[in-house]
Structure formats: structure tokens, C-alpha cells
C-alpha atoms as a PDB file:
ATOM      1  CA  UNK A   1     -86.697 -97.977  49.423  1.00  0.00           C
ATOM      2  CA  UNK A   2     -89.216-100.606  50.563  1.00  0.00           C
ATOM      3  CA  UNK A   3     -87.949-102.727  53.453  1.00  0.00           C
ATOM      4  CA  UNK A   4     -87.181-106.352  52.678  1.00  0.00           C
ATOM      5  CA  UNK A   5     -88.122-107.454  56.218  1.00  0.00           C
ATOM      6  CA  UNK A   6     -90.657-105.648  58.392  1.00  0.00           C
ATOM      7  CA  UNK A   7     -91.254-106.732  61.985  1.00  0.00           C
ATOM      8  CA  UNK A   8     -94.160-104.795  63.469  1.00  0.00           C
ATOM      9  CA  UNK A   9     -94.956-105.141  67.179  1.00  0.00           C
ATOM     10  CA  UNK A  10     -93.709-108.730  67.554  1.00  0.00           C
ATOM     11  CA  UNK A  11     -94.604-110.239  70.929  1.00  0.00           C
ATOM     12  CA  UNK A  12     -93.810-113.829  71.934  1.00  0.00           C
ATOM     13  CA  UNK A  13     -94.725-115.365  75.277  1.00  0.00           C
ATOM     14  CA  UNK A  14     -93.785-118.646  76.917  1.00  0.00           C
ATOM     15  CA  UNK A  15     -96.363-118.962  79.679  1.00  0.00           C
ATOM     16  CA  UNK A  16     -95.699-116.026  81.987  1.00  0.00           C
ATOM     17  CA  UNK A  17     -92.357-115.203  80.359  1.00  0.00           C
ATOM     18  CA  UNK A  18     -92.444-112.518  77.687  1.00  0.00           C
ATOM     19  CA  UNK A  19     -89.450-113.230  75.456  1.00  0.00           C
ATOM     20  CA  UNK A  20     -90.236-110.483  72.929  1.00  0.00           C
ATOM     21  CA  UNK A  21     -92.483-107.512  73.631  1.00  0.00           C
ATOM     22  CA  UNK A  22     -93.700-105.196  70.883  1.00  0.00           C
ATOM     23  CA  UNK A  23     -90.468-105.440  68.880  1.00  0.00           C
ATOM     24  CA  UNK A  24     -90.450-103.406  65.669  1.00  0.00           C
ATOM     25  CA  UNK A  25     -87.613-103.292  63.165  1.00  0.00           C
ATOM     26  CA  UNK A  26     -86.969-103.265  59.439  1.00  0.00           C
ATOM     27  CA  UNK A  27     -84.122-104.491  57.249  1.00  0.00           C
ATOM     28  CA  UNK A  28     -83.499-102.989  53.835  1.00  0.00           C
ATOM     29  CA  UNK A  29     -82.242-104.975  50.820  1.00  0.00           C
ATOM     30  CA  UNK A  30     -78.468-105.340  50.987  1.00  0.00           C
ATOM     31  CA  UNK A  31     -78.213-104.031  54.558  1.00  0.00           C
ATOM     32  CA  UNK A  32     -76.206-105.574  57.396  1.00  0.00           C
ATOM     33  CA  UNK A  33     -77.997-105.151  60.725  1.00  0.00           C
ATOM     34  CA  UNK A  34     -76.445-106.119  64.048  1.00  0.00           C
ATOM     35  CA  UNK A  35     -78.844-107.450  66.687  1.00  0.00           C
ATOM     36  CA  UNK A  36     -77.305-107.225  70.145  1.00  0.00           C
ATOM     37  CA  UNK A  37     -78.275-107.469  73.787  1.00  0.00           C
ATOM     38  CA  UNK A  38     -77.478-109.409  76.954  1.00  0.00           C
ATOM     39  CA  UNK A  39     -78.169-113.115  77.300  1.00  0.00           C
ATOM     40  CA  UNK A  40     -81.903-113.688  77.539  1.00  0.00           C
ATOM     41  CA  UNK A  41     -82.713-110.444  75.705  1.00  0.00           C
ATOM     42  CA  UNK A  42     -84.869-112.295  73.147  1.00  0.00           C
ATOM     43  CA  UNK A  43     -82.577-112.216  70.115  1.00  0.00           C
ATOM     44  CA  UNK A  44     -82.850-115.884  69.169  1.00  0.00           C
ATOM     45  CA  UNK A  45     -86.583-115.881  69.899  1.00  0.00           C
ATOM     46  CA  UNK A  46     -86.966-113.027  67.415  1.00  0.00           C
ATOM     47  CA  UNK A  47     -84.981-115.009  64.828  1.00  0.00           C
ATOM     48  CA  UNK A  48     -87.250-117.987  65.508  1.00  0.00           C
ATOM     49  CA  UNK A  49     -90.357-115.896  64.875  1.00  0.00           C
ATOM     50  CA  UNK A  50     -88.926-114.423  61.671  1.00  0.00           C
ATOM     51  CA  UNK A  51     -87.835-117.799  60.302  1.00  0.00           C
ATOM     52  CA  UNK A  52     -91.021-119.691  61.231  1.00  0.00           C
ATOM     53  CA  UNK A  53     -89.500-121.852  63.959  1.00  0.00           C
ATOM     54  CA  UNK A  54     -91.994-120.122  66.282  1.00  0.00           C
ATOM     55  CA  UNK A  55     -95.031-117.951  65.641  1.00  0.00           C
ATOM     56  CA  UNK A  56     -95.491-114.533  67.221  1.00  0.00           C
ATOM     57  CA  UNK A  57     -98.416-114.200  69.613  1.00  0.00           C
ATOM     58  CA  UNK A  58     -98.979-110.602  68.564  1.00  0.00           C
ATOM     59  CA  UNK A  59     -97.753-108.364  65.773  1.00  0.00           C
ATOM     60  CA  UNK A  60     -96.966-108.898  62.107  1.00  0.00           C
ATOM     61  CA  UNK A  61     -93.898-109.975  60.173  1.00  0.00           C
ATOM     62  CA  UNK A  62     -93.614-109.257  56.463  1.00  0.00           C
ATOM     63  CA  UNK A  63     -90.948-110.356  54.023  1.00  0.00           C
ATOM     64  CA  UNK A  64     -90.726-108.893  50.527  1.00  0.00           C
ATOM     65  CA  UNK A  65     -94.261-107.593  51.009  1.00  0.00           C
ATOM     66  CA  UNK A  66     -95.743-110.975  52.012  1.00  0.00           C
ATOM     67  CA  UNK A  67     -97.204-111.609  55.477  1.00  0.00           C
ATOM     68  CA  UNK A  68     -95.146-114.497  56.896  1.00  0.00           C
ATOM     69  CA  UNK A  69     -96.352-114.206  60.511  1.00  0.00           C
ATOM     70  CA  UNK A  70     -98.087-117.577  60.555  1.00  0.00           C
ATOM     71  CA  UNK A  71     -96.173-119.399  57.824  1.00  0.00           C
ATOM     72  CA  UNK A  72     -94.111-122.502  58.465  1.00  0.00           C
ATOM     73  CA  UNK A  73     -90.322-122.517  58.282  1.00  0.00           C
ATOM     74  CA  UNK A  74     -90.243-124.357  54.941  1.00  0.00           C
ATOM     75  CA  UNK A  75     -92.428-121.771  53.208  1.00  0.00           C
ATOM     76  CA  UNK A  76     -90.490-118.868  54.701  1.00  0.00           C
ATOM     77  CA  UNK A  77     -87.241-120.441  53.561  1.00  0.00           C
ATOM     78  CA  UNK A  78     -88.660-120.844  50.060  1.00  0.00           C
ATOM     79  CA  UNK A  79     -89.573-117.147  50.046  1.00  0.00           C
ATOM     80  CA  UNK A  80     -85.934-116.305  50.710  1.00  0.00           C
ATOM     81  CA  UNK A  81     -85.108-116.306  54.445  1.00  0.00           C
ATOM     82  CA  UNK A  82     -82.275-118.562  55.634  1.00  0.00           C
ATOM     83  CA  UNK A  83     -80.644-118.867  59.027  1.00  0.00           C
ATOM     84  CA  UNK A  84     -77.907-120.476  61.062  1.00  0.00           C
ATOM     85  CA  UNK A  85     -78.251-121.609  64.670  1.00  0.00           C
ATOM     86  CA  UNK A  86     -76.688-120.532  67.939  1.00  0.00           C
ATOM     87  CA  UNK A  87     -75.765-124.176  68.561  1.00  0.00           C
ATOM     88  CA  UNK A  88     -74.519-125.687  65.293  1.00  0.00           C
ATOM     89  CA  UNK A  89     -77.028-128.087  63.729  1.00  0.00           C
ATOM     90  CA  UNK A  90     -75.076-129.920  61.064  1.00  0.00           C
ATOM     91  CA  UNK A  91     -76.154-133.437  60.089  1.00  0.00           C
ATOM     92  CA  UNK A  92     -73.216-135.141  61.761  1.00  0.00           C
ATOM     93  CA  UNK A  93     -73.502-138.547  60.063  1.00  0.00           C
ATOM     94  CA  UNK A  94     -73.761-137.030  56.603  1.00  0.00           C
ATOM     95  CA  UNK A  95     -70.873-135.748  54.524  1.00  0.00           C
ATOM     96  CA  UNK A  96     -70.119-132.084  54.142  1.00  0.00           C
ATOM     97  CA  UNK A  97     -71.283-132.196  50.524  1.00  0.00           C
ATOM     98  CA  UNK A  98     -74.566-133.915  51.404  1.00  0.00           C
ATOM     99  CA  UNK A  99     -75.238-131.359  54.154  1.00  0.00           C
ATOM    100  CA  UNK A 100     -75.083-128.485  51.678  1.00  0.00           C
ATOM    101  CA  UNK A 101     -77.046-130.420  49.078  1.00  0.00           C
ATOM    102  CA  UNK A 102     -79.876-130.616  51.627  1.00  0.00           C
ATOM    103  CA  UNK A 103     -80.099-126.841  51.462  1.00  0.00           C
ATOM    104  CA  UNK A 104     -79.966-126.850  47.670  1.00  0.00           C
ATOM    105  CA  UNK A 105     -82.876-129.291  47.504  1.00  0.00           C
ATOM    106  CA  UNK A 106     -85.028-126.477  48.850  1.00  0.00           C
ATOM    107  CA  UNK A 107     -84.794-124.977  45.338  1.00  0.00           C
ATOM    108  CA  UNK A 108     -84.414-127.971  43.030  1.00  0.00           C
ATOM    109  CA  UNK A 109     -85.271-131.670  42.909  1.00  0.00           C
ATOM    110  CA  UNK A 110     -82.414-132.405  40.498  1.00  0.00           C
ATOM    111  CA  UNK A 111     -79.498-134.100  42.254  1.00  0.00           C
ATOM    112  CA  UNK A 112     -76.957-132.952  39.677  1.00  0.00           C
ATOM    113  CA  UNK A 113     -77.993-129.314  40.068  1.00  0.00           C
ATOM    114  CA  UNK A 114     -77.945-129.555  43.870  1.00  0.00           C
ATOM    115  CA  UNK A 115     -74.461-131.091  43.777  1.00  0.00           C
ATOM    116  CA  UNK A 116     -73.080-128.369  41.510  1.00  0.00           C
ATOM    117  CA  UNK A 117     -74.513-125.626  43.718  1.00  0.00           C
ATOM    118  CA  UNK A 118     -73.217-127.307  46.871  1.00  0.00           C
ATOM    119  CA  UNK A 119     -69.681-127.644  45.480  1.00  0.00           C
ATOM    120  CA  UNK A 120     -69.668-124.013  44.384  1.00  0.00           C
ATOM    121  CA  UNK A 121     -70.718-122.862  47.855  1.00  0.00           C
ATOM    122  CA  UNK A 122     -68.197-125.090  49.598  1.00  0.00           C
ATOM    123  CA  UNK A 123     -65.522-123.398  47.531  1.00  0.00           C
ATOM    124  CA  UNK A 124     -66.994-119.970  48.323  1.00  0.00           C
ATOM    125  CA  UNK A 125     -67.047-120.630  52.086  1.00  0.00           C
ATOM    126  CA  UNK A 126     -63.554-122.134  52.238  1.00  0.00           C
ATOM    127  CA  UNK A 127     -64.587-125.767  52.616  1.00  0.00           C
ATOM    128  CA  UNK A 128     -63.421-127.065  49.234  1.00  0.00           C
ATOM    129  CA  UNK A 129     -61.698-130.418  49.725  1.00  0.00           C
ATOM    130  CA  UNK A 130     -63.901-131.343  52.699  1.00  0.00           C
ATOM    131  CA  UNK A 131     -66.716-132.798  50.570  1.00  0.00           C
ATOM    132  CA  UNK A 132     -66.352-136.445  51.718  1.00  0.00           C
ATOM    133  CA  UNK A 133     -65.724-135.611  55.394  1.00  0.00           C
ATOM    134  CA  UNK A 134     -68.465-136.413  57.882  1.00  0.00           C
ATOM    135  CA  UNK A 135     -69.814-133.193  59.348  1.00  0.00           C
ATOM    136  CA  UNK A 136     -69.315-134.506  62.884  1.00  0.00           C
ATOM    137  CA  UNK A 137     -65.543-134.590  62.275  1.00  0.00           C
ATOM    138  CA  UNK A 138     -65.197-130.918  61.381  1.00  0.00           C
ATOM    139  CA  UNK A 139     -63.755-128.294  63.685  1.00  0.00           C
ATOM    140  CA  UNK A 140     -66.199-125.834  65.239  1.00  0.00           C
ATOM    141  CA  UNK A 141     -65.108-123.113  62.813  1.00  0.00           C
ATOM    142  CA  UNK A 142     -65.695-125.378  59.818  1.00  0.00           C
ATOM    143  CA  UNK A 143     -69.057-126.544  61.185  1.00  0.00           C
ATOM    144  CA  UNK A 144     -70.146-122.907  61.339  1.00  0.00           C
ATOM    145  CA  UNK A 145     -68.951-122.395  57.751  1.00  0.00           C
ATOM    146  CA  UNK A 146     -70.878-125.492  56.764  1.00  0.00           C
ATOM    147  CA  UNK A 147     -74.073-124.098  58.257  1.00  0.00           C
ATOM    148  CA  UNK A 148     -73.575-120.880  56.337  1.00  0.00           C
ATOM    149  CA  UNK A 149     -72.958-122.802  53.109  1.00  0.00           C
ATOM    150  CA  UNK A 150     -76.109-124.866  53.649  1.00  0.00           C
ATOM    151  CA  UNK A 151     -78.137-121.716  54.322  1.00  0.00           C
ATOM    152  CA  UNK A 152     -76.745-120.053  51.183  1.00  0.00           C
ATOM    153  CA  UNK A 153     -77.680-123.134  49.157  1.00  0.00           C
ATOM    154  CA  UNK A 154     -81.354-122.245  49.678  1.00  0.00           C
ATOM    155  CA  UNK A 155     -80.688-119.061  47.642  1.00  0.00           C
ATOM    156  CA  UNK A 156     -81.886-116.587  50.284  1.00  0.00           C
ATOM    157  CA  UNK A 157     -82.381-112.843  50.036  1.00  0.00           C
ATOM    158  CA  UNK A 158     -82.017-112.459  53.822  1.00  0.00           C
ATOM    159  CA  UNK A 159     -79.481-114.378  55.915  1.00  0.00           C
ATOM    160  CA  UNK A 160     -79.925-114.577  59.697  1.00  0.00           C
ATOM    161  CA  UNK A 161     -76.654-115.409  61.483  1.00  0.00           C
ATOM    162  CA  UNK A 162     -77.135-116.446  65.108  1.00  0.00           C
ATOM    163  CA  UNK A 163     -73.736-116.167  66.845  1.00  0.00           C
ATOM    164  CA  UNK A 164     -71.881-117.537  63.836  1.00  0.00           C
ATOM    165  CA  UNK A 165     -68.587-116.452  65.439  1.00  0.00           C
ATOM    166  CA  UNK A 166     -69.079-117.540  69.051  1.00  0.00           C
ATOM    167  CA  UNK A 167     -66.440-119.900  70.404  1.00  0.00           C
ATOM    168  CA  UNK A 168     -63.941-119.121  67.633  1.00  0.00           C
ATOM    169  CA  UNK A 169     -60.321-118.078  68.037  1.00  0.00           C
ATOM    170  CA  UNK A 170     -59.333-114.546  66.997  1.00  0.00           C
ATOM    171  CA  UNK A 171     -57.956-115.839  63.680  1.00  0.00           C
ATOM    172  CA  UNK A 172     -61.081-117.901  63.034  1.00  0.00           C
ATOM    173  CA  UNK A 173     -63.249-114.915  63.927  1.00  0.00           C
ATOM    174  CA  UNK A 174     -61.367-112.698  61.472  1.00  0.00           C
ATOM    175  CA  UNK A 175     -61.883-115.294  58.744  1.00  0.00           C
ATOM    176  CA  UNK A 176     -65.611-115.509  59.590  1.00  0.00           C
ATOM    177  CA  UNK A 177     -65.953-111.725  59.396  1.00  0.00           C
ATOM    178  CA  UNK A 178     -64.251-111.785  56.009  1.00  0.00           C
ATOM    179  CA  UNK A 179     -66.732-114.432  54.842  1.00  0.00           C
ATOM    180  CA  UNK A 180     -69.702-112.327  55.963  1.00  0.00           C
ATOM    181  CA  UNK A 181     -68.290-109.324  54.108  1.00  0.00           C
ATOM    182  CA  UNK A 182     -67.862-111.444  50.965  1.00  0.00           C
ATOM    183  CA  UNK A 183     -71.428-112.748  51.223  1.00  0.00           C
ATOM    184  CA  UNK A 184     -72.648-109.178  51.401  1.00  0.00           C
ATOM    185  CA  UNK A 185     -70.386-107.826  48.654  1.00  0.00           C
ATOM    186  CA  UNK A 186     -70.520-110.685  46.158  1.00  0.00           C
ATOM    187  CA  UNK A 187     -73.985-112.146  46.733  1.00  0.00           C
ATOM    188  CA  UNK A 188     -75.735-108.907  47.668  1.00  0.00           C
ATOM    189  CA  UNK A 189     -77.706-110.392  50.547  1.00  0.00           C
ATOM    190  CA  UNK A 190     -79.301-108.564  53.436  1.00  0.00           C
ATOM    191  CA  UNK A 191     -77.805-109.953  56.646  1.00  0.00           C
ATOM    192  CA  UNK A 192     -78.888-109.782  60.285  1.00  0.00           C
ATOM    193  CA  UNK A 193     -76.117-110.714  62.708  1.00  0.00           C
ATOM    194  CA  UNK A 194     -76.569-111.722  66.340  1.00  0.00           C
ATOM    195  CA  UNK A 195     -73.188-111.456  68.070  1.00  0.00           C
ATOM    196  CA  UNK A 196     -71.767-110.764  71.519  1.00  0.00           C
ATOM    197  CA  UNK A 197     -68.331-109.713  70.279  1.00  0.00           C
ATOM    198  CA  UNK A 198     -68.767-105.974  69.913  1.00  0.00           C
ATOM    199  CA  UNK A 199     -65.416-105.523  68.187  1.00  0.00           C
ATOM    200  CA  UNK A 200     -66.902-107.694  65.441  1.00  0.00           C
ATOM    201  CA  UNK A 201     -70.512-106.589  65.164  1.00  0.00           C
ATOM    202  CA  UNK A 202     -69.980-102.827  65.374  1.00  0.00           C
ATOM    203  CA  UNK A 203     -67.630-102.367  62.390  1.00  0.00           C
ATOM    204  CA  UNK A 204     -69.518-105.011  60.400  1.00  0.00           C
ATOM    205  CA  UNK A 205     -73.001-103.501  60.770  1.00  0.00           C
ATOM    206  CA  UNK A 206     -74.588-100.605  58.929  1.00  0.00           C
ATOM    207  CA  UNK A 207     -77.134-100.309  61.709  1.00  0.00           C
ATOM    208  CA  UNK A 208     -77.532-101.865  65.166  1.00  0.00           C
ATOM    209  CA  UNK A 209     -80.702-102.853  67.035  1.00  0.00           C
ATOM    210  CA  UNK A 210     -80.456-103.444  70.796  1.00  0.00           C
ATOM    211  CA  UNK A 211     -82.793-105.698  72.781  1.00  0.00           C
ATOM    212  CA  UNK A 212     -83.035-105.916  76.568  1.00  0.00           C
ATOM    213  CA  UNK A 213     -85.548-108.046  78.465  1.00  0.00           C
ATOM    214  CA  UNK A 214     -87.350-108.716  75.192  1.00  0.00           C
ATOM    215  CA  UNK A 215     -87.836-105.050  74.258  1.00  0.00           C
ATOM    216  CA  UNK A 216     -86.038-102.863  71.751  1.00  0.00           C
ATOM    217  CA  UNK A 217     -84.230-100.176  73.720  1.00  0.00           C
ATOM    218  CA  UNK A 218     -82.178 -98.560  70.955  1.00  0.00           C
ATOM    219  CA  UNK A 219     -81.547 -98.525  67.215  1.00  0.00           C
ATOM    220  CA  UNK A 220     -79.076 -96.580  65.121  1.00  0.00           C
ATOM    221  CA  UNK A 221     -75.652 -96.423  63.556  1.00  0.00           C
ATOM    222  CA  UNK A 222     -72.910 -98.225  65.519  1.00  0.00           C
ATOM    223  CA  UNK A 223     -71.173 -94.947  66.463  1.00  0.00           C
ATOM    224  CA  UNK A 224     -74.395 -93.719  68.062  1.00  0.00           C
ATOM    225  CA  UNK A 225     -75.195 -97.007  69.800  1.00  0.00           C
ATOM    226  CA  UNK A 226     -71.836 -97.129  71.630  1.00  0.00           C
ATOM    227  CA  UNK A 227     -72.588 -93.663  73.048  1.00  0.00           C
ATOM    228  CA  UNK A 228     -76.153 -94.441  74.086  1.00  0.00           C
ATOM    229  CA  UNK A 229     -76.387 -94.264  77.892  1.00  0.00           C
ATOM    230  CA  UNK A 230     -79.226 -96.779  78.073  1.00  0.00           C
ATOM    231  CA  UNK A 231     -77.312 -99.300  75.988  1.00  0.00           C
ATOM    232  CA  UNK A 232     -74.142 -98.786  78.013  1.00  0.00           C
ATOM    233  CA  UNK A 233     -75.981 -99.446  81.266  1.00  0.00           C
ATOM    234  CA  UNK A 234     -77.924-102.431  79.937  1.00  0.00           C
ATOM    235  CA  UNK A 235     -75.249-104.169  77.940  1.00  0.00           C
ATOM    236  CA  UNK A 236     -72.028-102.586  76.709  1.00  0.00           C
ATOM    237  CA  UNK A 237     -70.506-101.573  80.027  1.00  0.00           C
ATOM    238  CA  UNK A 238     -68.415 -98.624  81.131  1.00  0.00           C
ATOM    239  CA  UNK A 239     -65.448 -99.320  78.831  1.00  0.00           C
ATOM    240  CA  UNK A 240     -67.575 -98.372  75.834  1.00  0.00           C
ATOM    241  CA  UNK A 241     -68.691 -95.162  77.426  1.00  0.00           C
ATOM    242  CA  UNK A 242     -65.241 -94.116  78.616  1.00  0.00           C
ATOM    243  CA  UNK A 243     -64.027 -92.841  75.254  1.00  0.00           C
ATOM    244  CA  UNK A 244     -67.016 -90.699  74.346  1.00  0.00           C
END
């Protein structure tokens, strides 16, 4: 199977700081990949390079066979890559419905079509009935759902979720995990998940990639990653190694 996303030797520098160094990974169609690592490991920077928020200084990024390394975020989104943000970026003074319609306008210039798609996705993500509410008045959990709905409105083939469950209660986290599973099962999207909650990301992911100090230090199935000595020392901690 040809990879949907191919990241080949991605390096991104900020002055003397190397945020990503020679990172290589691939995501297959319909695959859920967990991207983990300590704070400052370069996870969000890698998302930024994939989505066009930043451009890699070295290496190549391909999506569906097209070189997107130097493309802008709007063109990459149109090709089929959507993302959420570590810090929620809803349009606070706009309604919930209008927020999702903004995503839909990436695919259509017809207001009626954008509204229908937005309402359908609000129902899918559990936000039906919140259409007239200002986004600023939502709870954190609902703001994160709103971001996911807006991303889905662009009709992506790959969804990048940057800590979509951080700051949530256990019940809210369980509901968010269920939503991600439904997106995968019912919409058939490839998904890359950045998360710090290992009890969430490990059972959710088909494969896990681990970054540390901007470099990929491990990649494999979750059961292998939790037994990897390098990963345990760099990130997971002794409690994950104790039951090996």
C-alpha cells in the first residue's frame, strides 16, 4: 500500500534551536498513528511543517503523492490535510454553526451547502443544539469538539489532532476517544494523534512514533513501544517498564 503521508528527513530550525532533526515517518490510508514524546520534543513543530504553518528547512513531505514541502496551509488543506491546535483556536465571537461553516467554505462557495455540511458535522460530533451559541461560551471539551468539526468540514483524508484531549476530565476524555474512533470507523480517515495521556494514545493507535529532542527515537506497535528501554528512559517512566 502506498503511504498517504510521507515525511522524509524533516529538519526545522529556529536560529540555533533544532526543533526537528531528520524526522522520517509515513502514515497509511485509514491508519491511526500516535505521536508521543516529552514536552519540547518537536511534535507540534512537525505538525506545523506537515500542515504548512511552517516550512521544513531540510527534507521532503509528500501527501497523496504530491510534494507539499513548500506549499501554503490553504493549499495543503485543500489537498486533504486538516488539523486541530494544542491551544484551541475557535472564532470566539462567531457562533458554533458559523465556525464550522468556515471549514466547509474550504470546499464550496455555496452558503446553503456549507450550512448543511456544518449541521451534519455538529450532529456527528455531539454539538447539535449548540448552533447559535458563541464559541467563546462553550466548555473546553465542546471547544475541542468544535475544532474537530471545523477540521472535518474541510473534507480531509488525514486529520492531525494536537492534544485534542488535554485538560479534559476522565469522562470527557472517554467521550473524545469515542469520537476519534467514530471518525476513523465511519469516515475512514487516517489520523495522527499527539497526546500525553498514554492510557489514551496506546490503545487508540495502530502504530506509535516517539520523538525526543526533535529526533525520532522509536517507532512500532504500542505493545513494543511500552517495552522499549530508550522510550522508557526518555519519556514513559519506570511504571511502564515494571510490568514487562
